[in-house]
N, C-alpha and C. Protein backbone atom coordinates (compact mmCIF):
# COMPACT_ATOMS: atom_id res chain seq x y z
N UNK A 1 4.42 20.10 -4.91
CA UNK A 1 4.81 18.87 -4.22
C UNK A 1 3.62 18.05 -3.57
N UNK A 2 2.75 18.79 -2.84
CA UNK A 2 1.67 18.22 -2.42
C UNK A 2 0.74 17.33 -3.41
N UNK A 3 0.71 17.91 -4.60
CA UNK A 3 -0.10 17.25 -5.56
C UNK A 3 0.58 15.89 -6.01
N UNK A 4 1.72 15.94 -6.05
CA UNK A 4 2.55 14.81 -6.49
C UNK A 4 2.41 13.70 -5.31
N UNK A 5 2.43 14.09 -4.24
CA UNK A 5 2.44 13.23 -3.01
C UNK A 5 1.04 12.56 -3.04
N UNK A 6 -0.19 13.45 -3.25
CA UNK A 6 -1.40 12.87 -3.55
C UNK A 6 -1.61 12.04 -4.60
N UNK A 7 -1.12 12.20 -5.60
CA UNK A 7 -1.20 11.34 -6.89
C UNK A 7 -0.56 10.11 -6.58
N UNK A 8 0.61 10.00 -5.95
CA UNK A 8 1.29 8.83 -5.51
C UNK A 8 0.63 7.87 -4.54
N UNK A 9 -0.15 8.51 -3.53
CA UNK A 9 -0.81 7.89 -2.59
C UNK A 9 -2.18 7.20 -3.11
N UNK A 10 -2.71 7.98 -4.35
CA UNK A 10 -4.05 7.38 -4.78
C UNK A 10 -3.61 6.40 -5.63
N UNK A 11 -2.38 6.36 -6.41
CA UNK A 11 -2.02 5.26 -7.37
C UNK A 11 -1.64 4.09 -6.37
N UNK A 12 -0.94 4.16 -5.23
CA UNK A 12 -0.70 3.06 -4.55
C UNK A 12 -1.79 2.58 -3.90
N UNK A 13 -2.80 3.44 -3.63
CA UNK A 13 -4.18 2.79 -2.98
C UNK A 13 -4.83 2.09 -4.05
N UNK A 14 -4.95 2.51 -5.24
CA UNK A 14 -5.58 1.95 -6.41
C UNK A 14 -4.98 0.44 -6.51
N UNK A 15 -3.69 0.37 -6.55
CA UNK A 15 -2.92 -0.71 -6.97
C UNK A 15 -3.13 -1.85 -5.78
N UNK A 16 -2.95 -1.33 -4.46
CA UNK A 16 -3.20 -2.32 -3.41
C UNK A 16 -4.56 -2.62 -3.24
N UNK A 17 -5.46 -1.93 -3.40
CA UNK A 17 -6.75 -2.22 -3.53
C UNK A 17 -7.15 -3.38 -4.33
N UNK A 18 -6.72 -3.14 -5.61
CA UNK A 18 -6.92 -4.20 -6.59
C UNK A 18 -6.36 -5.42 -6.46
N UNK A 19 -5.08 -5.29 -5.97
CA UNK A 19 -4.37 -6.48 -5.64
C UNK A 19 -4.89 -7.20 -4.44
N UNK A 20 -5.32 -6.63 -3.49
CA UNK A 20 -5.86 -7.14 -2.21
C UNK A 20 -7.20 -7.86 -2.71
N UNK A 21 -8.02 -7.03 -3.45
CA UNK A 21 -9.36 -7.78 -4.04
C UNK A 21 -8.97 -9.07 -4.64
N UNK A 22 -7.89 -9.03 -5.54
CA UNK A 22 -7.51 -10.29 -6.35
C UNK A 22 -7.07 -11.52 -5.33
N UNK A 23 -6.52 -11.11 -4.28
CA UNK A 23 -6.24 -12.18 -3.27
C UNK A 23 -7.23 -12.49 -2.65
N UNK A 24 -8.35 -11.70 -2.25
CA UNK A 24 -9.51 -12.07 -1.37
C UNK A 24 -10.52 -12.77 -2.36
N UNK A 25 -10.69 -12.47 -3.42
CA UNK A 25 -11.57 -13.08 -4.47
C UNK A 25 -10.88 -13.39 -5.71
N UNK A 26 -10.03 -14.55 -5.86
CA UNK A 26 -9.31 -14.81 -6.90
C UNK A 26 -10.31 -15.41 -7.91
N UNK A 27 -10.10 -15.11 -9.32
CA UNK A 27 -10.80 -15.73 -10.32
C UNK A 27 -10.53 -17.20 -10.39
N UNK A 28 -11.46 -17.97 -10.84
CA UNK A 28 -11.06 -19.47 -10.83
C UNK A 28 -9.86 -19.83 -11.92
N UNK A 29 -9.75 -18.95 -12.84
CA UNK A 29 -8.66 -19.30 -13.82
C UNK A 29 -7.24 -19.31 -13.14
N UNK A 30 -7.10 -18.46 -12.11
CA UNK A 30 -5.80 -18.30 -11.50
C UNK A 30 -5.83 -18.85 -10.16
N UNK A 31 -6.71 -19.14 -9.34
CA UNK A 31 -7.01 -19.62 -8.18
C UNK A 31 -6.00 -20.82 -7.84
N UNK A 32 -6.04 -21.79 -8.69
CA UNK A 32 -5.12 -22.99 -8.45
C UNK A 32 -3.61 -22.61 -8.48
N UNK A 33 -3.26 -21.81 -9.51
CA UNK A 33 -1.92 -21.20 -9.44
C UNK A 33 -1.44 -20.48 -8.26
N UNK A 34 -2.31 -19.64 -7.76
CA UNK A 34 -1.96 -18.97 -6.51
C UNK A 34 -2.00 -19.87 -5.38
N UNK A 35 -2.70 -20.95 -5.30
CA UNK A 35 -2.78 -21.76 -4.24
C UNK A 35 -1.48 -22.53 -4.06
N UNK A 36 -0.71 -22.76 -5.15
CA UNK A 36 0.33 -23.62 -5.34
C UNK A 36 1.64 -22.73 -4.80
N UNK A 37 1.48 -21.39 -4.81
CA UNK A 37 2.52 -20.39 -4.48
C UNK A 37 2.42 -20.07 -2.99
N UNK A 38 1.19 -19.83 -2.66
CA UNK A 38 0.97 -19.43 -1.11
C UNK A 38 -0.26 -20.19 -0.55
N UNK A 39 0.10 -20.55 0.69
CA UNK A 39 -1.34 -21.06 1.17
C UNK A 39 -2.60 -20.03 1.38
N UNK A 40 -3.67 -20.50 1.12
CA UNK A 40 -4.89 -19.73 1.26
C UNK A 40 -4.99 -18.71 2.31
N UNK A 41 -4.60 -19.27 3.63
CA UNK A 41 -4.85 -18.48 4.68
C UNK A 41 -3.89 -17.15 4.58
N UNK A 42 -2.63 -17.39 3.82
CA UNK A 42 -1.65 -16.42 3.83
C UNK A 42 -2.27 -15.26 2.92
N UNK A 43 -3.00 -15.81 1.73
CA UNK A 43 -3.42 -15.03 0.81
C UNK A 43 -4.59 -14.23 1.26
N UNK A 44 -5.44 -14.70 2.19
CA UNK A 44 -6.33 -13.86 2.76
C UNK A 44 -5.75 -12.83 3.75
N UNK A 45 -4.83 -13.16 4.55
CA UNK A 45 -4.22 -12.07 5.29
C UNK A 45 -3.55 -11.06 4.56
N UNK A 46 -2.88 -11.44 3.37
CA UNK A 46 -2.34 -10.26 2.58
C UNK A 46 -3.45 -9.55 1.90
N UNK A 47 -4.58 -10.12 1.62
CA UNK A 47 -5.56 -9.50 0.89
C UNK A 47 -6.24 -8.43 1.83
N UNK A 48 -6.59 -8.81 2.97
CA UNK A 48 -7.21 -7.89 4.24
C UNK A 48 -6.13 -6.86 4.42
N UNK A 49 -4.77 -7.22 4.56
CA UNK A 49 -3.80 -6.05 4.86
C UNK A 49 -3.73 -5.18 3.54
N UNK A 50 -3.69 -5.53 2.56
CA UNK A 50 -3.60 -4.64 1.39
C UNK A 50 -4.71 -3.68 1.18
N UNK A 51 -5.97 -4.23 1.25
CA UNK A 51 -7.09 -3.43 1.31
C UNK A 51 -7.12 -2.39 2.62
N UNK A 52 -6.75 -2.77 3.64
CA UNK A 52 -6.65 -1.77 4.68
C UNK A 52 -5.62 -0.74 4.58
N UNK A 53 -4.54 -1.14 3.81
CA UNK A 53 -3.42 -0.15 3.50
C UNK A 53 -3.95 0.72 2.43
N UNK A 54 -4.82 0.38 1.49
CA UNK A 54 -5.27 1.38 0.51
C UNK A 54 -6.27 2.37 1.17
N UNK A 55 -7.03 1.79 2.23
CA UNK A 55 -8.02 2.76 2.98
C UNK A 55 -7.08 3.62 3.70
N UNK A 56 -6.13 3.11 4.21
CA UNK A 56 -5.25 3.97 5.22
C UNK A 56 -4.34 5.06 4.52
N UNK A 57 -4.15 4.78 3.11
CA UNK A 57 -3.42 5.81 2.51
C UNK A 57 -4.31 6.97 1.99
N UNK A 58 -5.68 6.75 2.06
CA UNK A 58 -6.40 7.68 1.52
C UNK A 58 -7.30 8.31 2.50
N UNK A 59 -8.20 7.43 3.02
CA UNK A 59 -9.39 8.18 3.92
C UNK A 59 -8.86 9.03 4.90
N UNK A 60 -7.66 8.72 5.73
CA UNK A 60 -7.51 9.67 6.90
C UNK A 60 -6.87 11.14 6.36
N UNK A 61 -6.22 11.02 5.22
CA UNK A 61 -5.87 12.36 4.71
C UNK A 61 -7.06 13.02 4.20
N UNK A 62 -8.03 12.31 3.56
CA UNK A 62 -9.07 13.00 2.91
C UNK A 62 -10.00 13.74 4.01
N UNK A 63 -10.12 13.03 5.10
CA UNK A 63 -10.95 13.50 6.12
C UNK A 63 -10.44 14.30 7.13
N UNK A 64 -9.05 14.14 7.18
CA UNK A 64 -8.15 14.78 8.16
C UNK A 64 -8.37 14.22 9.65
N UNK A 65 -8.91 13.07 9.71
CA UNK A 65 -9.08 12.44 11.04
C UNK A 65 -7.98 11.38 11.06
N UNK A 66 -7.17 11.64 12.15
CA UNK A 66 -5.92 10.72 12.30
C UNK A 66 -5.17 10.62 11.08
N UNK A 67 -4.67 11.80 10.37
CA UNK A 67 -4.05 11.79 9.17
C UNK A 67 -2.54 11.11 9.61
N UNK A 68 -2.03 11.02 10.74
CA UNK A 68 -0.84 10.25 11.00
C UNK A 68 -0.96 8.75 10.52
N UNK A 69 -1.99 8.14 10.30
CA UNK A 69 -2.12 6.84 9.66
C UNK A 69 -1.73 6.68 8.35
N UNK A 70 -1.63 7.90 7.69
CA UNK A 70 -1.10 7.69 6.28
C UNK A 70 0.26 7.11 6.23
N UNK A 71 1.23 7.91 6.89
CA UNK A 71 2.49 7.35 6.64
C UNK A 71 2.82 6.03 7.35
N UNK A 72 1.98 5.78 8.33
CA UNK A 72 2.08 4.33 8.89
C UNK A 72 1.44 3.31 7.92
N UNK A 73 0.51 3.61 7.02
CA UNK A 73 -0.07 2.76 6.05
C UNK A 73 0.95 2.46 5.03
N UNK A 74 1.74 3.66 4.78
CA UNK A 74 2.83 3.49 3.61
C UNK A 74 4.01 2.60 4.31
N UNK A 75 4.27 2.72 5.44
CA UNK A 75 5.41 2.04 6.17
C UNK A 75 4.96 0.32 6.02
N UNK A 76 3.63 0.20 6.24
CA UNK A 76 3.12 -1.06 6.35
C UNK A 76 3.44 -1.83 4.96
N UNK A 77 3.03 -1.03 3.95
CA UNK A 77 3.12 -1.33 2.40
C UNK A 77 4.72 -1.62 2.18
N UNK A 78 5.66 -0.84 2.87
CA UNK A 78 7.04 -1.08 2.67
C UNK A 78 7.38 -2.56 3.06
N UNK A 79 6.84 -2.88 4.24
CA UNK A 79 7.20 -4.30 4.76
C UNK A 79 6.68 -5.26 3.90
N UNK A 80 5.61 -5.20 3.24
CA UNK A 80 4.97 -6.12 2.26
C UNK A 80 5.88 -6.29 1.06
N UNK A 81 6.22 -5.04 0.62
CA UNK A 81 6.93 -4.86 -0.65
C UNK A 81 8.34 -5.40 -0.66
N UNK A 82 9.10 -5.23 0.65
CA UNK A 82 10.36 -5.85 0.93
C UNK A 82 10.24 -7.32 0.87
N UNK A 83 9.08 -7.78 1.44
CA UNK A 83 9.00 -9.39 1.54
C UNK A 83 8.64 -9.87 0.03
N UNK A 84 7.79 -9.07 -0.54
CA UNK A 84 7.42 -9.59 -2.12
C UNK A 84 8.61 -9.39 -2.81
N UNK A 85 9.43 -8.46 -2.84
CA UNK A 85 10.69 -8.26 -3.63
C UNK A 85 11.72 -9.68 -3.46
N UNK A 86 11.76 -9.92 -2.04
CA UNK A 86 12.78 -11.11 -1.89
C UNK A 86 11.95 -12.33 -2.32
N UNK A 87 10.82 -12.51 -2.26
CA UNK A 87 9.95 -13.68 -2.58
C UNK A 87 10.03 -13.89 -4.08
N UNK A 88 9.84 -12.80 -4.89
CA UNK A 88 9.91 -12.82 -6.29
C UNK A 88 11.29 -13.22 -6.82
N UNK A 89 12.23 -12.43 -6.12
CA UNK A 89 13.70 -12.72 -6.62
C UNK A 89 14.19 -14.15 -6.20
N UNK A 90 13.71 -14.82 -5.23
CA UNK A 90 14.03 -16.18 -4.90
C UNK A 90 13.53 -16.99 -5.87
N UNK A 91 12.43 -16.68 -6.49
CA UNK A 91 11.76 -17.61 -7.46
C UNK A 91 12.05 -17.29 -8.84
N UNK A 92 13.17 -16.38 -8.83
CA UNK A 92 13.60 -16.04 -10.33
C UNK A 92 12.60 -15.23 -11.14
N UNK A 93 11.59 -14.56 -10.59
CA UNK A 93 10.53 -13.77 -11.23
C UNK A 93 10.92 -12.13 -11.32
N UNK A 94 12.01 -12.06 -12.28
CA UNK A 94 12.54 -10.65 -12.35
C UNK A 94 11.61 -9.57 -12.46
N UNK A 95 10.60 -9.67 -13.41
CA UNK A 95 9.69 -8.68 -13.60
C UNK A 95 8.89 -8.28 -12.64
N UNK A 96 8.42 -9.51 -11.86
CA UNK A 96 7.69 -9.16 -10.65
C UNK A 96 8.50 -8.46 -9.44
N UNK A 97 9.74 -8.90 -9.39
CA UNK A 97 10.69 -8.34 -8.32
C UNK A 97 10.86 -6.75 -8.67
N UNK A 98 10.96 -6.44 -9.96
CA UNK A 98 11.27 -5.13 -10.16
C UNK A 98 10.04 -4.43 -10.10
N UNK A 99 8.86 -4.96 -10.27
CA UNK A 99 7.60 -4.10 -10.06
C UNK A 99 7.41 -3.82 -8.54
N UNK A 100 7.75 -4.82 -7.74
CA UNK A 100 7.51 -4.76 -6.12
C UNK A 100 8.53 -3.85 -5.74
N UNK A 101 9.86 -3.81 -6.30
CA UNK A 101 10.69 -2.79 -5.93
C UNK A 101 10.39 -1.39 -5.95
N UNK A 102 9.85 -1.15 -7.10
CA UNK A 102 9.22 0.13 -7.68
C UNK A 102 8.24 0.47 -6.68
N UNK A 103 7.23 -0.25 -6.28
CA UNK A 103 6.24 -0.13 -5.44
C UNK A 103 6.82 0.36 -3.91
N UNK A 104 7.92 -0.35 -3.67
CA UNK A 104 8.63 -0.13 -2.44
C UNK A 104 9.01 1.23 -2.27
N UNK A 105 9.83 1.67 -3.46
CA UNK A 105 10.35 2.98 -3.56
C UNK A 105 9.17 4.12 -3.40
N UNK A 106 7.99 3.82 -4.05
CA UNK A 106 7.01 4.80 -4.17
C UNK A 106 6.44 4.87 -2.57
N UNK A 107 6.29 3.74 -2.08
CA UNK A 107 5.92 3.86 -0.59
C UNK A 107 6.79 4.16 0.25
N UNK A 108 8.03 4.01 0.11
CA UNK A 108 8.95 4.74 1.06
C UNK A 108 8.92 6.27 0.79
N UNK A 109 8.72 6.94 -0.46
CA UNK A 109 8.81 8.26 -0.79
C UNK A 109 7.46 8.80 0.03
N UNK A 110 6.36 8.20 -0.22
CA UNK A 110 5.13 8.56 0.52
C UNK A 110 5.18 8.48 2.04
N UNK A 111 5.72 7.53 2.51
CA UNK A 111 5.78 7.57 4.10
C UNK A 111 6.73 8.41 4.60
N UNK A 112 7.96 8.86 3.83
CA UNK A 112 8.87 9.86 4.26
C UNK A 112 8.30 11.11 4.09
N UNK A 113 7.74 11.48 3.02
CA UNK A 113 7.21 12.92 2.91
C UNK A 113 5.96 13.20 3.70
N UNK A 114 5.18 12.28 3.94
CA UNK A 114 3.90 12.41 4.71
C UNK A 114 4.23 12.35 6.22
N UNK A 115 5.46 11.95 6.53
CA UNK A 115 6.03 11.87 7.90
C UNK A 115 6.67 13.11 8.34
N UNK A 116 7.67 13.38 7.47
CA UNK A 116 8.51 14.47 7.78
C UNK A 116 8.42 15.78 6.93
N UNK A 117 8.07 15.76 5.69
CA UNK A 117 8.22 16.90 4.66
C UNK A 117 6.81 17.54 4.61
N UNK A 118 5.97 16.99 4.41
CA UNK A 118 4.61 17.40 4.13
C UNK A 118 3.46 16.66 4.75
N UNK A 119 3.54 16.71 6.29
CA UNK A 119 2.44 15.85 6.98
C UNK A 119 1.10 16.50 6.73
N UNK A 120 -0.06 15.85 6.68
CA UNK A 120 -1.33 16.33 6.66
C UNK A 120 -1.74 16.92 8.14
N UNK A 121 -2.32 18.00 8.08
CA UNK A 121 -2.66 18.39 9.37
C UNK A 121 -4.06 17.84 9.97
N UNK A 122 -4.20 17.55 11.09
CA UNK A 122 -5.43 16.85 11.61
C UNK A 122 -6.71 18.21 11.32
N UNK A 123 -7.76 17.63 11.39
CA UNK A 123 -8.94 18.40 11.21
C UNK A 123 -8.96 19.88 12.08
N UNK A 124 -8.81 19.68 13.47
CA UNK A 124 -8.84 20.47 14.52
C UNK A 124 -7.86 21.57 14.18
N UNK A 125 -6.55 21.13 13.72
CA UNK A 125 -5.58 21.97 13.61
C UNK A 125 -5.93 23.05 12.32
N UNK A 126 -6.58 22.39 11.44
CA UNK A 126 -6.91 23.24 10.18
C UNK A 126 -7.90 24.22 10.38
N UNK A 127 -8.73 23.81 11.38
CA UNK A 127 -9.91 24.79 11.91
C UNK A 127 -9.35 25.86 12.67
N UNK A 128 -8.32 25.50 13.47
CA UNK A 128 -7.76 26.47 14.56
C UNK A 128 -6.90 27.61 13.53
N UNK A 129 -6.36 27.20 12.60
CA UNK A 129 -5.54 28.16 11.61
C UNK A 129 -6.42 29.14 11.10
N UNK A 130 -7.58 28.92 10.83
CA UNK A 130 -8.58 29.86 10.13
C UNK A 130 -8.74 31.25 10.94
């Protein structure tokens, strides 16, 4: 179970890091299209939030420093994915809505399991158990 959760965390982190970088540094070929959908300031906000979520999904768990940030990062992703699913549904973009909904389900699973089922122990607790 722990391996599955880690795989899902890393996959979410990679997806959100890549998408966050795309929002922060859009290629010229799609920048105009992105600007017609969302204002640039909101793209920057989402880009920073998604990169921060990617870091929050991995670094606290790997270092065991403040690992309670992992489920909080996943919960933040849930908020973004709910909004994205509604956004894409309202625009009639079915495949994008399905993709964001699947990411919502994965983020919900990670948040719940890291909060209740298999939380990552802080570094001091891991040392104390030895």
